[in-house]
Amino acid sequence: MSEVRSFEPGGYRYVRGPFQYSAGIAAEPGFTLERVCFAVPVPLEAGFARIAAHLEARGRPLTAFAACELRSPAPFSDQGFRDFNRVYVGTLERWGIFRAEENPVARSNVCPELRKPAVPGFHAFTYTVPATAAAAIPAFVIAGSGEARGGDGPYRERIVRPGDATADGLREKARFVLEAMEHRMAALGFTWRDVLASQVYTVYDPYPFLADEIERRGAADHGLTWYYARPPVVGLDYEMDVRAVPAELALPAP
């Protein structure tokens, strides 16, 4: 079972992951989650500033920042991804969230195939707020996962069925990612029955395995949002994230 730790300054617990993100977060007792979606992606630095302003307006500390969804212009090389992640976690370190290579914030980062943003930026973010009563609805966000096995080696050595966009290859990739979602949810005490939103990111057709791999396990009981986008690293073809967030808001374009 994956290790789960509590991030007390934020009011949430998280599944430990690599330095750039946690594998998932869940509100601790006494807290719940809110998600905010930007009308258009906001570049990274400006996005952090708008997030900070929103948290202040909601009376929440910066450490309440618990998860985010990023959009990038194109998939990164391995080194490019590491370089971007170091820039990203720099702000989290200044906010008192990222410490000693430990990052509690869950994240997805995907690349639209069309209508690409000019630079990496925020699509949405999630944070904790005090619960007004005992939470009846679970509140959690599972970070995005592509079809790469864990480890420190190059992505190309860890990708499931690399370069295989056949129906059978994509089915195996999807099964791997769905099982990763299940593993992360289980670590936090949740199952597909608790999920309120499932998101898929791929430029390939998921229909051939939609019924057998997604619907049958209950991964789309509230529908499935398909983004015509690629995962964030060159060579990956399929990514998912899931969540149950009781309150979802939207912010207009600046």
Protein backbone atom coordinates (compact mmCIF):
# COMPACT_ATOMS: atom_id res chain seq x y z
CA MET A 1 0.00 0.00 0.00
CA SER A 2 1.27 3.50 -0.81
CA GLU A 3 2.33 5.66 2.10
CA VAL A 4 -0.14 8.32 3.18
CA ARG A 5 0.89 11.36 5.20
CA SER A 6 -1.02 14.26 6.71
CA PHE A 7 -0.26 17.82 5.65
CA GLU A 8 -1.64 19.54 8.71
CA PRO A 9 -1.04 23.16 7.56
CA GLY A 10 -3.34 22.48 4.60
CA GLY A 11 -6.00 20.34 6.24
CA TYR A 12 -5.47 17.38 3.93
CA ARG A 13 -3.64 14.07 3.66
CA TYR A 14 -1.75 12.85 0.62
CA VAL A 15 -0.29 9.79 -1.06
CA ARG A 16 3.46 10.25 -1.37
CA GLY A 17 4.76 10.59 -4.90
CA PRO A 18 7.80 12.05 -6.71
CA PHE A 19 9.09 15.51 -5.88
CA GLN A 20 6.86 17.27 -8.42
CA TYR A 21 3.49 16.05 -7.10
CA SER A 22 1.68 13.69 -4.75
CA ALA A 23 -0.35 10.80 -6.12
CA GLY A 24 -3.55 12.13 -4.57
CA ILE A 25 -5.05 14.16 -1.74
CA ALA A 26 -8.11 13.95 0.50
CA ALA A 27 -9.60 16.45 2.92
CA GLU A 28 -8.96 15.68 6.57
CA PRO A 29 -11.86 15.59 9.08
CA GLY A 30 -13.21 19.10 9.59
CA PHE A 31 -12.33 20.13 6.04
CA THR A 32 -13.71 19.72 2.54
CA LEU A 33 -12.58 20.77 -0.96
CA GLU A 34 -13.42 23.44 -3.49
CA ARG A 35 -12.25 23.43 -7.11
CA VAL A 36 -11.87 26.51 -9.30
CA CYS A 37 -11.58 26.33 -13.09
CA PHE A 38 -10.16 29.25 -15.06
CA ALA A 39 -12.17 30.29 -18.13
CA VAL A 40 -8.91 30.14 -20.11
CA PRO A 41 -5.53 28.77 -19.01
CA VAL A 42 -3.48 31.27 -17.00
CA PRO A 43 0.34 31.24 -17.39
CA LEU A 44 2.17 29.71 -14.46
CA GLU A 45 3.43 32.82 -12.64
CA ALA A 46 0.21 34.80 -13.17
CA GLY A 47 -1.78 31.71 -12.23
CA PHE A 48 -0.01 31.35 -8.91
CA ALA A 49 -0.73 35.03 -8.23
CA ARG A 50 -4.44 34.59 -8.99
CA ILE A 51 -4.59 31.47 -6.84
CA ALA A 52 -2.96 33.34 -3.94
CA ALA A 53 -5.45 36.19 -4.31
CA HIS A 54 -8.38 33.77 -4.40
CA LEU A 55 -7.19 31.92 -1.30
CA GLU A 56 -6.79 35.21 0.55
CA ALA A 57 -10.30 36.28 -0.47
CA ARG A 58 -11.65 32.96 0.83
CA GLY A 59 -9.79 33.44 4.10
CA ARG A 60 -7.54 30.46 3.44
CA PRO A 61 -3.76 30.20 3.85
CA LEU A 62 -1.50 29.43 0.91
CA THR A 63 -0.94 26.00 2.43
CA ALA A 64 -4.60 25.16 1.68
CA PHE A 65 -3.55 24.73 -1.98
CA ALA A 66 -4.02 20.99 -2.50
CA ALA A 67 -4.21 20.10 -6.21
CA CYS A 68 -4.00 21.63 -9.66
CA GLU A 69 -4.52 20.89 -13.34
CA LEU A 70 -1.97 22.32 -15.75
CA ARG A 71 -1.91 22.81 -19.51
CA SER A 72 1.34 22.87 -21.50
CA PRO A 73 2.07 23.63 -25.18
CA ALA A 74 3.61 20.24 -26.00
CA PRO A 75 4.98 17.10 -24.32
CA PHE A 76 8.33 17.60 -22.60
CA SER A 77 11.52 15.62 -22.95
CA ASP A 78 12.62 13.93 -19.72
CA GLN A 79 15.06 16.75 -18.97
CA GLY A 80 12.59 19.43 -20.00
CA PHE A 81 10.02 17.94 -17.64
CA ARG A 82 12.51 17.95 -14.74
CA ASP A 83 13.45 21.56 -15.49
CA PHE A 84 9.80 22.66 -15.60
CA ASN A 85 8.99 20.82 -12.39
CA ARG A 86 11.80 22.57 -10.53
CA VAL A 87 10.38 25.94 -11.54
CA TYR A 88 6.89 24.84 -10.50
CA VAL A 89 7.87 23.56 -7.04
CA GLY A 90 9.86 26.73 -6.38
CA THR A 91 6.63 28.63 -5.68
CA LEU A 92 5.30 25.79 -3.52
CA GLU A 93 8.49 25.97 -1.48
CA ARG A 94 8.04 29.72 -0.94
CA TRP A 95 4.44 29.05 0.10
CA GLY A 96 5.60 26.64 2.81
CA ILE A 97 4.18 23.56 1.05
CA PHE A 98 7.17 21.87 -0.63
CA ARG A 99 9.84 20.86 1.87
CA ALA A 100 12.83 18.52 1.74
CA GLU A 101 11.80 17.13 -1.67
CA GLU A 102 8.35 16.28 -0.28
CA ASN A 103 5.36 17.62 -2.20
CA PRO A 104 1.80 17.08 -0.89
CA VAL A 105 0.07 18.80 -3.83
CA ALA A 106 -1.61 16.51 -6.39
CA ARG A 107 -1.33 17.49 -10.05
CA SER A 108 -2.20 16.77 -13.66
CA ASN A 109 -0.28 18.35 -16.53
CA VAL A 110 -1.45 17.67 -20.08
CA CYS A 111 -0.94 19.11 -23.54
CA PRO A 112 -3.91 20.04 -25.77
CA GLU A 113 -3.37 18.80 -29.31
CA LEU A 114 -5.24 21.80 -30.74
CA ARG A 115 -5.69 25.34 -29.38
CA LYS A 116 -2.42 24.95 -27.54
CA PRO A 117 -1.48 27.46 -24.84
CA ALA A 118 1.59 29.55 -25.60
CA VAL A 119 3.23 28.64 -22.29
CA PRO A 120 2.50 26.22 -19.41
CA GLY A 121 -0.27 27.43 -17.12
CA PHE A 122 -3.19 26.60 -14.86
CA HIS A 123 -6.50 25.16 -16.03
CA ALA A 124 -7.91 24.55 -12.52
CA PHE A 125 -6.93 24.25 -8.87
CA THR A 126 -8.35 22.74 -5.69
CA TYR A 127 -7.97 23.80 -2.06
CA THR A 128 -9.34 22.98 1.38
CA VAL A 129 -11.98 24.92 3.27
CA PRO A 130 -13.47 24.23 6.71
CA ALA A 131 -16.47 21.92 6.55
CA THR A 132 -19.61 23.49 8.00
CA ALA A 133 -20.85 20.06 9.14
CA ALA A 134 -19.78 16.45 8.98
CA ALA A 135 -18.93 15.88 5.32
CA ALA A 136 -21.50 13.61 3.68
CA ILE A 137 -19.64 13.54 0.35
CA PRO A 138 -16.00 12.35 0.18
CA ALA A 139 -13.59 15.05 -0.92
CA PHE A 140 -10.49 13.93 -2.81
CA VAL A 141 -8.44 14.44 -5.96
CA ILE A 142 -6.33 11.71 -7.57
CA ALA A 143 -3.38 13.02 -9.54
CA GLY A 144 -3.04 12.38 -13.23
CA SER A 145 -1.18 9.25 -14.31
CA GLY A 146 0.04 8.18 -17.71
CA GLU A 147 1.00 4.66 -18.72
CA ALA A 148 4.52 4.73 -17.27
CA ARG A 149 5.68 2.34 -14.58
CA GLY A 150 7.29 3.80 -11.47
CA GLY A 151 11.03 4.23 -11.16
CA ASP A 152 13.85 6.65 -11.83
CA GLY A 153 14.85 5.55 -15.31
CA PRO A 154 14.00 7.34 -18.57
CA TYR A 155 10.31 7.41 -19.41
CA ARG A 156 10.90 5.53 -22.68
CA GLU A 157 12.08 2.53 -20.65
CA ARG A 158 9.00 2.55 -18.40
CA ILE A 159 6.14 3.15 -20.86
CA VAL A 160 3.56 0.38 -21.31
CA ARG A 161 3.50 -0.76 -24.96
CA PRO A 162 5.65 2.17 -26.17
CA GLY A 163 4.72 3.45 -29.62
CA ASP A 164 1.76 1.05 -29.84
CA ALA A 165 -1.42 2.95 -30.75
CA THR A 166 -3.33 -0.14 -31.85
CA ALA A 167 -6.65 -0.88 -30.16
CA ASP A 168 -5.00 -3.66 -28.16
CA GLY A 169 -2.06 -1.47 -27.17
CA LEU A 170 -4.31 1.37 -26.05
CA ARG A 171 -6.48 -1.05 -24.07
CA GLU A 172 -3.43 -2.24 -22.12
CA LYS A 173 -2.32 1.34 -21.52
CA ALA A 174 -5.81 2.28 -20.29
CA ARG A 175 -5.99 -0.77 -18.02
CA PHE A 176 -2.64 0.16 -16.46
CA VAL A 177 -3.79 3.74 -15.79
CA LEU A 178 -7.19 2.66 -14.42
CA GLU A 179 -5.44 0.30 -12.02
CA ALA A 180 -3.16 3.16 -10.95
CA MET A 181 -6.26 5.25 -10.17
CA GLU A 182 -7.66 2.37 -8.11
CA HIS A 183 -4.41 1.92 -6.20
CA ARG A 184 -4.21 5.62 -5.34
CA MET A 185 -7.85 5.80 -4.31
CA ALA A 186 -7.50 2.71 -2.13
CA ALA A 187 -4.59 4.30 -0.28
CA LEU A 188 -6.91 7.18 0.69
CA GLY A 189 -9.85 4.88 1.48
CA PHE A 190 -11.96 5.41 -1.67
CA THR A 191 -13.27 3.42 -4.64
CA TRP A 192 -14.93 4.19 -7.97
CA ARG A 193 -18.27 4.50 -6.14
CA ASP A 194 -16.96 7.67 -4.52
CA VAL A 195 -15.83 9.34 -7.76
CA LEU A 196 -17.84 12.28 -9.11
CA ALA A 197 -15.66 13.17 -12.12
CA SER A 198 -13.40 11.08 -14.38
CA GLN A 199 -11.16 12.76 -16.97
CA VAL A 200 -9.28 11.10 -19.84
CA TYR A 201 -6.48 12.70 -21.86
CA THR A 202 -5.53 11.09 -25.17
CA VAL A 203 -5.53 11.87 -28.88
CA TYR A 204 -6.63 8.30 -29.63
CA ASP A 205 -10.14 6.85 -29.70
CA PRO A 206 -11.09 5.35 -26.29
CA TYR A 207 -14.34 3.84 -27.58
CA PRO A 208 -12.99 0.31 -28.27
CA PHE A 209 -12.28 -0.20 -24.55
CA LEU A 210 -14.82 2.22 -23.08
CA ALA A 211 -17.33 -0.46 -22.07
CA ASP A 212 -15.00 -3.26 -20.96
CA GLU A 213 -12.27 -1.29 -19.21
CA ILE A 214 -13.93 1.95 -18.08
CA GLU A 215 -17.69 1.48 -17.74
CA ARG A 216 -17.64 -2.03 -16.27
CA ARG A 217 -15.49 -1.04 -13.30
CA GLY A 218 -17.70 1.97 -12.53
CA ALA A 219 -15.16 4.55 -13.65
CA ALA A 220 -17.73 6.59 -15.58
CA ASP A 221 -20.87 6.46 -13.43
CA HIS A 222 -21.01 10.27 -13.63
CA GLY A 223 -19.88 10.37 -17.24
CA LEU A 224 -16.43 10.66 -18.73
CA THR A 225 -14.76 13.89 -19.83
CA TRP A 226 -12.42 13.29 -22.76
CA TYR A 227 -9.79 15.94 -23.47
CA TYR A 228 -8.14 15.77 -26.88
CA ALA A 229 -4.72 16.13 -25.33
CA ARG A 230 -1.48 14.30 -24.73
CA PRO A 231 0.21 13.43 -21.42
CA PRO A 232 3.12 15.71 -20.46
CA VAL A 233 6.12 13.59 -21.52
CA VAL A 234 7.11 12.50 -25.03
CA GLY A 235 6.03 8.90 -25.71
CA LEU A 236 3.03 8.73 -23.35
CA ASP A 237 -0.38 8.24 -24.99
CA TYR A 238 -3.03 7.94 -22.27
CA GLU A 239 -3.66 9.70 -18.96
CA MET A 240 -6.50 9.92 -16.44
CA ASP A 241 -7.35 11.73 -13.23
CA VAL A 242 -10.42 11.43 -11.02
CA ARG A 243 -11.96 13.43 -8.21
CA ALA A 244 -14.85 14.00 -5.84
CA VAL A 245 -15.08 17.71 -5.04
CA PRO A 246 -18.35 18.90 -3.49
CA ALA A 247 -18.08 22.53 -4.70
CA GLU A 248 -16.80 23.66 -8.11
CA LEU A 249 -16.48 27.30 -9.19
CA ALA A 250 -15.20 29.21 -12.22
CA LEU A 251 -13.12 32.35 -12.60
CA PRO A 252 -13.37 34.62 -15.66
CA ALA A 253 -10.51 35.41 -17.98
CA PRO A 254 -8.31 38.25 -16.66
